[in-house]
Amino acid sequence: MEYLSITISLITLFVCLSVYNKVSAMEARIKAMQVSYDHIAQEDGMSRHPVQDEVLQLVRDGKKVAAVKKAREVLGLSLVEAKQYVDALEA
């Protein structure tokens, strides 16, 4: 009986970890799609994200690190994604 409960616990743990990994991957894909959408919207002249002007002003003031931090906080991006976002705004 003890082996059965250990086996069930291990299977449950494995399933939970698998679900967590899938959710994390989906979150990353959604963030990447949002960044892509923002770039497309910017190129087409569509409305921009409200934080974009603030991030751009931080870059112009020479506060690139603060701009990356702001982009990460507001847009929920990873460090690399936020850096790419700020670099794209700078260009």
Protein backbone atom coordinates (compact mmCIF):
# COMPACT_ATOMS: atom_id res chain seq x y z
CA MET A 1 0.00 0.00 0.00
CA GLU A 2 2.86 2.34 0.80
CA TYR A 3 4.41 1.79 -2.64
CA LEU A 4 1.13 2.68 -4.27
CA SER A 5 0.88 6.01 -2.48
CA ILE A 6 4.51 6.84 -3.35
CA THR A 7 3.89 5.95 -6.99
CA ILE A 8 0.74 8.06 -7.13
CA SER A 9 2.61 10.97 -5.51
CA LEU A 10 5.42 10.73 -8.05
CA ILE A 11 3.00 10.58 -10.96
CA THR A 12 1.12 13.58 -9.60
CA LEU A 13 4.38 15.50 -9.22
CA PHE A 14 5.38 14.63 -12.79
CA VAL A 15 2.01 15.78 -14.14
CA CYS A 16 2.22 19.05 -12.19
CA LEU A 17 5.72 19.75 -13.48
CA SER A 18 4.63 19.00 -17.04
CA VAL A 19 1.67 21.37 -16.77
CA TYR A 20 3.90 24.07 -15.25
CA ASN A 21 6.39 23.74 -18.12
CA LYS A 22 3.62 23.97 -20.71
CA VAL A 23 2.13 27.07 -19.06
CA SER A 24 5.55 28.71 -18.88
CA ALA A 25 6.16 28.02 -22.55
CA MET A 26 2.76 29.43 -23.47
CA GLU A 27 3.42 32.58 -21.43
CA ALA A 28 6.71 33.08 -23.25
CA ARG A 29 5.00 32.67 -26.62
CA ILE A 30 2.29 35.18 -25.68
CA LYS A 31 4.92 37.72 -24.61
CA ALA A 32 6.81 37.23 -27.87
CA MET A 33 3.59 37.67 -29.85
CA GLN A 34 2.83 40.88 -27.94
CA VAL A 35 6.27 42.27 -28.76
CA SER A 36 5.78 41.32 -32.41
CA TYR A 37 2.38 42.99 -32.41
CA ASP A 38 3.87 46.14 -30.90
CA HIS A 39 6.54 46.25 -33.60
CA ILE A 40 3.98 45.76 -36.37
CA ALA A 41 1.71 48.39 -34.87
CA GLN A 42 4.61 50.82 -34.67
CA GLU A 43 5.56 50.25 -38.31
CA ASP A 44 1.97 50.68 -39.48
CA GLY A 45 1.46 53.82 -37.41
CA MET A 46 -1.21 52.23 -35.25
CA SER A 47 -1.69 53.28 -31.66
CA ARG A 48 1.24 52.51 -29.43
CA HIS A 49 1.37 51.04 -25.98
CA PRO A 50 1.13 53.88 -23.41
CA VAL A 51 4.45 52.91 -21.82
CA GLN A 52 6.27 53.15 -25.14
CA ASP A 53 6.60 56.94 -24.93
CA GLU A 54 7.91 56.72 -21.38
CA VAL A 55 10.46 54.05 -22.33
CA LEU A 56 11.54 56.08 -25.34
CA GLN A 57 12.01 59.17 -23.15
CA LEU A 58 14.18 57.17 -20.74
CA VAL A 59 16.34 56.04 -23.67
CA ARG A 60 16.68 59.62 -24.92
CA ASP A 61 17.73 60.70 -21.42
CA GLY A 62 20.51 58.10 -21.50
CA LYS A 63 18.79 55.83 -18.98
CA LYS A 64 18.71 52.67 -21.07
CA VAL A 65 18.86 50.34 -18.05
CA ALA A 66 15.86 52.10 -16.51
CA ALA A 67 14.06 51.83 -19.87
CA VAL A 68 14.68 48.07 -20.00
CA LYS A 69 13.50 47.73 -16.39
CA LYS A 70 10.31 49.71 -17.12
CA ALA A 71 9.59 47.60 -20.21
CA ARG A 72 10.05 44.42 -18.16
CA GLU A 73 7.74 45.60 -15.39
CA VAL A 74 4.91 46.92 -17.53
CA LEU A 75 5.00 44.55 -20.49
CA GLY A 76 6.02 41.43 -18.55
CA LEU A 77 9.00 40.72 -20.79
CA SER A 78 12.12 38.74 -20.03
CA LEU A 79 15.40 40.62 -19.80
CA VAL A 80 16.38 39.69 -23.35
CA GLU A 81 12.95 40.57 -24.76
CA ALA A 82 12.93 43.92 -22.96
CA LYS A 83 16.42 44.73 -24.26
CA GLN A 84 15.33 43.89 -27.81
CA TYR A 85 12.20 46.00 -27.36
CA VAL A 86 14.22 49.01 -26.17
CA ASP A 87 16.77 48.54 -28.95
CA ALA A 88 13.96 48.46 -31.52
CA LEU A 89 12.51 51.69 -30.12
CA GLU A 90 15.93 53.28 -30.22
CA ALA A 91 16.44 52.47 -33.90
